[in-house]
Amino acid sequence: MNCTTITAAMKFATSKLSAAGIQEPRLDSKILLCHAAKIDQLTILSNPERLLSSESIKIFDELIQRRALREPVSHLVGQREFWSLPFKVSQDVFDPRPESEILVQAAIDSIKNKEKVISALDIGTGSGCLIISLLRELPLASGVGVDISEPALCIARSNAEQNLVGDRIKFIKSSWGEDLSERFDIIITNPPYIPIREKHLLEPEVAHYEPGLALFGGCDGLSAYHHLCFHLLKLLKPEGIVIIECGKGQAQSVIKIFTDSSFIHLKTLLDLNDVERCCIFEKGQN
């Protein structure tokens, strides 16, 4: 990149990303320049003719080259915001999405007495964004996050420490929580639910850079729910609730899977795009 000012760098990067088919080339360029040059967005707006160091230009150029190959911005800067909190991310974890915040809000809303001691479980915790965000809102709560991926658990532990809940949460390597003996007041989970046959429809940022284990739920996208309903029966306290994310058009199938397995469907919540995104269940009476 042959440029020395913020304006020149932004012009070059925006043009390159636009040619690569990036949807928001200027925004991505701005985020990556802030990261490379260790400046904030206000500086880009207020001092566009500021000179950039050769080291900043080199780093920025490398980031733009990688973004043009569709590597996600979150991976390039190593972080993504969720619930107004910072979370480290990498190719080892599913990127937190804004639509998943509805699960955290549902869990908070389910608790009438915020001073009550609550135990929460997050199955397939990934970056830990769900359980960590919940614990930040409930200072007396404790939690467990499980994942089959040890690299994901390492990131989740780091995120718990960074977000100041490390002393109230433990992360365990487990498939669907099958090794746990404890029972929980709240179980929250965002399982893999994309049908494998739809992989070719995904953006390259998702298909090539996010872990398949966290994305694909078998041929119809529902295989994880069949596994979960079996294990959740023994992990949920009698008065506890399950809060589970589902994909577009899957809510009714998820409800049937769980109600056929002795759960009672309490409600379904819509995300900001009016998609049935979150199903809430309790145990049926034996």
Protein backbone atom coordinates (compact mmCIF):
# COMPACT_ATOMS: atom_id res chain seq x y z
CA MET A 1 0.00 0.00 0.00
CA ASN A 2 1.59 3.28 -1.09
CA CYS A 3 -0.08 5.74 1.24
CA THR A 4 0.84 7.75 4.29
CA THR A 5 -2.34 9.49 5.46
CA ILE A 6 -5.59 8.26 6.94
CA THR A 7 -7.52 9.53 3.91
CA ALA A 8 -5.27 7.75 1.43
CA ALA A 9 -5.28 4.53 3.42
CA MET A 10 -9.05 4.53 3.70
CA LYS A 11 -9.54 5.25 0.01
CA PHE A 12 -7.19 2.43 -1.01
CA ALA A 13 -8.70 -0.11 1.40
CA THR A 14 -12.33 0.75 0.64
CA SER A 15 -11.70 0.34 -3.08
CA LYS A 16 -9.98 -3.01 -2.59
CA LEU A 17 -12.68 -4.42 -0.33
CA SER A 18 -15.44 -3.16 -2.58
CA ALA A 19 -13.84 -4.95 -5.53
CA ALA A 20 -13.71 -8.12 -3.41
CA GLY A 21 -17.47 -8.00 -2.86
CA ILE A 22 -17.41 -6.92 0.79
CA GLN A 23 -20.82 -5.50 1.72
CA GLU A 24 -19.60 -2.65 3.93
CA PRO A 25 -16.10 -1.88 2.65
CA ARG A 26 -15.72 1.53 4.27
CA LEU A 27 -16.91 0.39 7.69
CA ASP A 28 -14.62 -2.65 7.62
CA SER A 29 -11.71 -0.48 6.49
CA LYS A 30 -12.35 1.94 9.34
CA ILE A 31 -12.44 -0.81 11.96
CA LEU A 32 -9.27 -2.41 10.63
CA LEU A 33 -7.41 0.90 10.39
CA CYS A 34 -8.30 1.69 14.01
CA HIS A 35 -6.94 -1.69 14.99
CA ALA A 36 -3.76 -1.45 12.92
CA ALA A 37 -2.88 2.12 13.86
CA LYS A 38 -4.22 1.95 17.44
CA ILE A 39 -6.48 4.94 16.93
CA ASP A 40 -10.21 5.50 17.44
CA GLN A 41 -12.87 6.27 14.85
CA LEU A 42 -13.08 9.89 16.01
CA THR A 43 -9.47 10.37 14.94
CA ILE A 44 -10.29 9.11 11.45
CA LEU A 45 -13.11 11.67 11.19
CA SER A 46 -11.38 14.61 12.86
CA ASN A 47 -7.84 14.24 11.54
CA PRO A 48 -8.05 12.62 8.09
CA GLU A 49 -4.67 13.98 6.96
CA ARG A 50 -2.82 12.49 9.90
CA LEU A 51 0.29 10.62 8.80
CA LEU A 52 0.45 6.89 9.52
CA SER A 53 3.61 5.12 10.55
CA SER A 54 5.18 2.62 8.17
CA GLU A 55 4.46 -0.13 10.70
CA SER A 56 0.78 0.81 10.88
CA ILE A 57 0.55 0.85 7.09
CA LYS A 58 2.16 -2.58 6.88
CA ILE A 59 -0.24 -4.09 9.44
CA PHE A 60 -3.24 -2.42 7.81
CA ASP A 61 -2.27 -3.67 4.38
CA GLU A 62 -1.99 -7.25 5.67
CA LEU A 63 -5.41 -6.99 7.35
CA ILE A 64 -7.04 -5.65 4.20
CA GLN A 65 -5.51 -8.46 2.13
CA ARG A 66 -6.97 -11.01 4.53
CA ARG A 67 -10.36 -9.29 4.64
CA ALA A 68 -10.46 -9.30 0.84
CA LEU A 69 -10.20 -13.11 1.12
CA ARG A 70 -13.36 -12.92 3.30
CA GLU A 71 -11.75 -13.57 6.67
CA PRO A 72 -14.17 -12.06 9.21
CA VAL A 73 -13.36 -8.68 10.72
CA SER A 74 -13.89 -10.14 14.19
CA HIS A 75 -11.15 -12.69 13.58
CA LEU A 76 -8.80 -10.05 12.23
CA VAL A 77 -9.17 -7.88 15.33
CA GLY A 78 -9.62 -10.91 17.61
CA GLN A 79 -12.76 -9.63 19.28
CA ARG A 80 -16.50 -9.20 18.89
CA GLU A 81 -19.00 -7.33 21.04
CA PHE A 82 -21.98 -9.13 22.57
CA TRP A 83 -24.32 -7.79 25.25
CA SER A 84 -22.12 -4.64 25.21
CA LEU A 85 -19.21 -6.77 26.44
CA PRO A 86 -15.96 -7.65 24.62
CA PHE A 87 -15.40 -11.30 23.67
CA LYS A 88 -12.28 -12.81 22.21
CA VAL A 89 -13.02 -14.89 19.11
CA SER A 90 -11.12 -17.04 16.64
CA GLN A 91 -11.70 -19.81 14.14
CA ASP A 92 -12.23 -22.12 17.13
CA VAL A 93 -15.54 -20.55 18.18
CA PHE A 94 -18.81 -19.47 16.64
CA ASP A 95 -18.95 -15.68 16.37
CA PRO A 96 -21.51 -14.21 18.80
CA ARG A 97 -24.54 -12.81 16.93
CA PRO A 98 -26.86 -10.00 18.09
CA GLU A 99 -29.92 -12.24 17.65
CA SER A 100 -28.60 -14.55 20.37
CA GLU A 101 -28.90 -11.77 22.94
CA ILE A 102 -32.59 -12.64 23.14
CA LEU A 103 -31.60 -15.81 25.04
CA VAL A 104 -29.80 -13.80 27.71
CA GLN A 105 -32.72 -11.41 28.06
CA ALA A 106 -35.15 -14.33 28.32
CA ALA A 107 -33.09 -15.87 31.12
CA ILE A 108 -32.95 -12.58 33.02
CA ASP A 109 -36.69 -12.00 32.59
CA SER A 110 -37.46 -15.49 33.92
CA ILE A 111 -35.96 -14.65 37.31
CA LYS A 112 -38.37 -12.69 39.47
CA ASN A 113 -36.01 -12.35 42.42
CA LYS A 114 -32.63 -11.11 41.19
CA GLU A 115 -31.19 -11.65 44.68
CA LYS A 116 -31.85 -15.38 44.51
CA VAL A 117 -28.89 -17.70 44.06
CA ILE A 118 -29.22 -19.20 40.57
CA SER A 119 -27.28 -21.96 38.86
CA ALA A 120 -27.01 -21.82 35.07
CA LEU A 121 -25.68 -24.19 32.42
CA ASP A 122 -24.60 -23.27 28.90
CA ILE A 123 -24.30 -26.24 26.54
CA GLY A 124 -22.04 -25.70 23.55
CA THR A 125 -20.65 -22.59 25.19
CA GLY A 126 -18.15 -21.64 22.46
CA SER A 127 -16.84 -18.18 23.32
CA GLY A 128 -18.86 -18.27 26.55
CA CYS A 129 -20.86 -15.21 25.51
CA LEU A 130 -24.25 -16.48 26.74
CA ILE A 131 -23.30 -17.68 30.20
CA ILE A 132 -20.84 -14.84 30.81
CA SER A 133 -23.36 -12.18 29.82
CA LEU A 134 -25.97 -13.79 32.07
CA LEU A 135 -23.64 -13.91 35.05
CA ARG A 136 -22.72 -10.26 34.56
CA GLU A 137 -26.41 -9.40 35.03
CA LEU A 138 -26.93 -11.76 37.98
CA PRO A 139 -24.24 -11.14 40.58
CA LEU A 140 -25.33 -14.03 42.82
CA ALA A 141 -25.53 -16.58 40.02
CA SER A 142 -22.97 -19.26 39.26
CA GLY A 143 -22.55 -21.13 36.02
CA VAL A 144 -21.09 -24.01 34.07
CA GLY A 145 -20.21 -23.91 30.40
CA VAL A 146 -19.59 -27.12 28.47
CA ASP A 147 -18.17 -27.68 25.02
CA ILE A 148 -16.64 -30.59 23.15
CA SER A 149 -13.83 -28.34 21.87
CA GLU A 150 -10.88 -27.72 24.19
CA PRO A 151 -9.67 -24.70 22.14
CA ALA A 152 -13.13 -23.18 22.51
CA LEU A 153 -13.04 -23.74 26.26
CA CYS A 154 -9.70 -21.96 26.48
CA ILE A 155 -11.20 -18.91 24.79
CA ALA A 156 -14.29 -19.07 27.03
CA ARG A 157 -12.13 -19.17 30.18
CA SER A 158 -10.19 -16.14 28.97
CA ASN A 159 -13.43 -14.29 28.24
CA ALA A 160 -14.79 -15.08 31.69
CA GLU A 161 -11.68 -13.59 33.30
CA GLN A 162 -11.74 -10.57 31.02
CA ASN A 163 -15.39 -9.92 31.87
CA LEU A 164 -14.85 -10.41 35.62
CA VAL A 165 -16.93 -13.55 36.22
CA GLY A 166 -14.12 -16.11 36.24
CA ASP A 167 -14.65 -16.86 39.92
CA ARG A 168 -18.32 -17.80 39.37
CA ILE A 169 -18.04 -20.05 36.36
CA LYS A 170 -16.30 -23.25 35.40
CA PHE A 171 -15.83 -24.68 31.93
CA ILE A 172 -15.88 -28.42 31.30
CA LYS A 173 -15.15 -30.50 28.23
CA SER A 174 -18.28 -32.54 27.60
CA SER A 175 -20.60 -33.65 24.82
CA TRP A 176 -24.10 -32.30 25.53
CA GLY A 177 -23.31 -32.17 29.26
CA GLU A 178 -23.49 -35.95 29.51
CA ASP A 179 -20.81 -36.13 32.24
CA LEU A 180 -22.49 -33.66 34.59
CA SER A 181 -24.31 -34.75 37.75
CA GLU A 182 -25.42 -31.29 38.93
CA ARG A 183 -28.88 -29.92 38.19
CA PHE A 184 -29.52 -26.34 37.10
CA ASP A 185 -32.17 -23.63 37.42
CA ILE A 186 -31.53 -22.37 33.91
CA ILE A 187 -30.12 -24.16 30.89
CA ILE A 188 -29.29 -21.94 27.94
CA THR A 189 -27.98 -23.16 24.62
CA ASN A 190 -27.39 -22.12 21.03
CA PRO A 191 -26.82 -25.48 19.33
CA PRO A 192 -25.69 -26.05 15.74
CA TYR A 193 -28.80 -25.87 13.57
CA ILE A 194 -27.81 -25.15 9.98
CA PRO A 195 -28.69 -28.07 7.67
CA ILE A 196 -25.48 -29.38 6.15
CA ARG A 197 -27.10 -29.27 2.71
CA GLU A 198 -27.25 -25.47 3.03
CA LYS A 199 -23.52 -25.01 3.49
CA HIS A 200 -23.14 -23.72 -0.05
CA LEU A 201 -25.59 -20.90 0.74
CA LEU A 202 -23.49 -19.48 3.56
CA GLU A 203 -21.26 -16.45 3.22
CA PRO A 204 -17.56 -17.37 2.92
CA GLU A 205 -16.93 -15.66 6.27
CA VAL A 206 -19.09 -18.32 7.90
CA ALA A 207 -18.52 -21.39 5.74
CA HIS A 208 -14.74 -21.10 5.63
CA TYR A 209 -13.82 -19.47 8.93
CA GLU A 210 -16.23 -20.71 11.61
CA PRO A 211 -16.13 -24.20 13.15
CA GLY A 212 -18.44 -26.71 11.48
CA LEU A 213 -19.17 -28.32 14.85
CA ALA A 214 -20.86 -25.09 15.94
CA LEU A 215 -22.73 -24.60 12.67
CA PHE A 216 -24.21 -27.76 11.22
CA GLY A 217 -27.00 -29.82 12.74
CA GLY A 218 -27.15 -32.78 10.38
CA CYS A 219 -29.19 -33.12 7.21
CA ASP A 220 -32.22 -31.21 8.50
CA GLY A 221 -30.49 -29.03 11.08
CA LEU A 222 -32.35 -30.68 13.97
CA SER A 223 -29.99 -33.43 15.13
CA ALA A 224 -28.64 -31.39 18.07
CA TYR A 225 -32.13 -30.89 19.47
CA HIS A 226 -32.74 -34.65 19.60
CA HIS A 227 -29.52 -35.08 21.59
CA LEU A 228 -30.25 -32.16 23.86
CA CYS A 229 -33.78 -33.09 24.93
CA PHE A 230 -32.52 -36.45 26.21
CA HIS A 231 -29.71 -34.99 28.32
CA LEU A 232 -31.59 -31.91 29.54
CA LEU A 233 -34.19 -33.98 31.37
CA LYS A 234 -31.59 -35.08 33.91
CA LEU A 235 -29.75 -31.74 34.06
CA LEU A 236 -32.74 -29.48 34.74
CA LYS A 237 -34.15 -28.87 38.21
CA PRO A 238 -37.87 -29.62 38.62
CA GLU A 239 -38.79 -25.93 38.48
CA GLY A 240 -36.06 -24.97 36.02
CA ILE A 241 -36.33 -23.74 32.45
CA VAL A 242 -34.58 -24.43 29.17
CA ILE A 243 -33.90 -21.50 26.82
CA ILE A 244 -32.82 -22.64 23.39
CA GLU A 245 -32.05 -20.90 20.11
CA CYS A 246 -33.37 -22.21 16.81
CA GLY A 247 -32.97 -21.34 13.17
CA LYS A 248 -35.44 -19.65 10.87
CA GLY A 249 -38.46 -21.87 10.30
CA GLN A 250 -37.38 -24.46 12.91
CA ALA A 251 -39.34 -23.39 15.98
CA GLN A 252 -42.33 -25.68 15.47
CA SER A 253 -40.08 -28.69 14.84
CA VAL A 254 -38.05 -27.90 17.98
CA ILE A 255 -41.24 -27.56 20.02
CA LYS A 256 -42.44 -30.97 18.82
CA ILE A 257 -39.10 -32.63 19.61
CA PHE A 258 -39.15 -31.29 23.17
CA THR A 259 -42.84 -31.77 23.92
CA ASP A 260 -42.57 -35.37 22.68
CA SER A 261 -39.80 -35.78 25.28
CA SER A 262 -41.80 -34.71 28.37
CA PHE A 263 -41.12 -30.96 28.19
CA ILE A 264 -43.78 -28.27 28.32
CA HIS A 265 -43.47 -25.40 25.86
CA LEU A 266 -43.83 -22.06 27.66
CA LYS A 267 -43.27 -19.52 24.92
CA THR A 268 -41.46 -18.66 21.70
CA LEU A 269 -39.72 -15.32 21.29
CA LEU A 270 -39.10 -13.37 18.10
CA ASP A 271 -35.80 -11.71 17.30
CA LEU A 272 -35.48 -8.18 15.89
CA ASN A 273 -36.22 -9.52 12.40
CA ASP A 274 -39.47 -11.17 13.59
CA VAL A 275 -37.93 -14.65 13.28
CA GLU A 276 -39.00 -17.26 15.85
CA ARG A 277 -35.56 -17.44 17.43
CA CYS A 278 -35.92 -18.64 21.02
CA CYS A 279 -38.02 -21.44 22.53
CA ILE A 280 -38.53 -21.78 26.28
CA PHE A 281 -39.47 -25.04 28.02
CA GLU A 282 -40.00 -26.48 31.46
CA LYS A 283 -40.21 -30.07 32.60
CA GLY A 284 -43.52 -31.83 32.41
CA GLN A 285 -44.99 -33.56 35.44
CA ASN A 286 -43.91 -37.18 35.89
